[in-house]
Amino acid sequence: MTTITLEISDEVAQTIYSIVKREGGNILSVDDGGFTEEELKSVNTGLKETMGIKNGSIKPLSMNDLWDE
């Protein structure tokens, strides 16, 4: 087998992954930008909450809730 290192945009990464898997290859490593697992989990949680607010399944906090001391 041949090992190739690519630097590609995030937009095409999923397409490349699909092609590699379809052709029987393996993804050996993915650069996560140096983030820890905890940081990636926090970002993912925030994204889910944001999408929930956007689609109406989660009620956003009011300014009073944010500034309640």
Protein backbone atom coordinates (compact mmCIF):
# COMPACT_ATOMS: atom_id res chain seq x y z
CA MET A 1 0.00 0.00 0.00
CA THR A 2 0.96 3.63 -0.48
CA THR A 3 0.63 6.24 2.27
CA ILE A 4 -0.26 9.77 1.16
CA THR A 5 -0.36 12.92 3.25
CA LEU A 6 -2.86 15.50 1.99
CA GLU A 7 -3.72 18.99 3.06
CA ILE A 8 -7.30 19.65 1.95
CA SER A 9 -10.09 22.01 2.89
CA ASP A 10 -12.67 20.90 5.43
CA GLU A 11 -15.35 21.15 2.75
CA VAL A 12 -13.90 18.30 0.68
CA ALA A 13 -12.64 16.14 3.55
CA GLN A 14 -15.85 14.09 3.85
CA THR A 15 -15.79 13.34 0.11
CA ILE A 16 -12.20 12.17 0.34
CA TYR A 17 -13.00 10.00 3.37
CA SER A 18 -15.90 8.39 1.49
CA ILE A 19 -13.76 7.64 -1.56
CA VAL A 20 -10.96 6.14 0.54
CA LYS A 21 -13.38 3.90 2.47
CA ARG A 22 -15.22 2.85 -0.72
CA GLU A 23 -11.93 1.83 -2.33
CA GLY A 24 -10.87 -0.22 0.71
CA GLY A 25 -8.38 2.24 2.17
CA ASN A 26 -7.95 3.39 5.74
CA ILE A 27 -7.68 6.84 7.27
CA LEU A 28 -4.60 6.60 9.48
CA SER A 29 -4.85 9.97 11.20
CA VAL A 30 -6.75 13.22 11.01
CA ASP A 31 -5.34 16.53 12.24
CA ASP A 32 -7.84 17.84 14.77
CA GLY A 33 -6.18 21.24 14.98
CA GLY A 34 -4.49 20.43 18.27
CA PHE A 35 -7.71 20.47 20.29
CA THR A 36 -8.19 18.13 23.23
CA GLU A 37 -11.07 15.66 23.31
CA GLU A 38 -12.72 17.83 25.99
CA GLU A 39 -12.46 20.95 23.80
CA LEU A 40 -13.91 19.15 20.78
CA LYS A 41 -16.77 17.82 22.94
CA SER A 42 -17.52 21.34 24.23
CA VAL A 43 -17.60 22.77 20.71
CA ASN A 44 -19.87 19.94 19.56
CA THR A 45 -22.24 20.54 22.50
CA GLY A 46 -22.36 24.26 21.72
CA LEU A 47 -23.09 23.55 18.06
CA LYS A 48 -25.96 21.20 18.99
CA GLU A 49 -27.41 23.84 21.33
CA THR A 50 -27.09 26.52 18.65
CA MET A 51 -28.84 24.34 16.08
CA GLY A 52 -31.58 23.54 18.64
CA ILE A 53 -32.18 27.25 19.22
CA LYS A 54 -32.18 27.88 15.48
CA ASN A 55 -34.76 25.17 14.73
CA GLY A 56 -36.89 26.03 17.78
CA SER A 57 -36.40 22.86 19.84
CA ILE A 58 -34.45 24.75 22.54
CA LYS A 59 -35.51 28.08 24.04
CA PRO A 60 -32.64 30.62 24.11
CA LEU A 61 -31.67 32.29 27.38
CA SER A 62 -32.91 35.82 27.89
CA MET A 63 -30.57 38.67 28.79
CA ASN A 64 -32.05 38.57 32.32
CA ASP A 65 -31.07 34.89 32.62
CA LEU A 66 -27.55 35.67 31.45
CA TRP A 67 -27.07 38.61 33.83
CA ASP A 68 -28.86 37.13 36.84
CA GLU A 69 -26.52 37.49 39.82
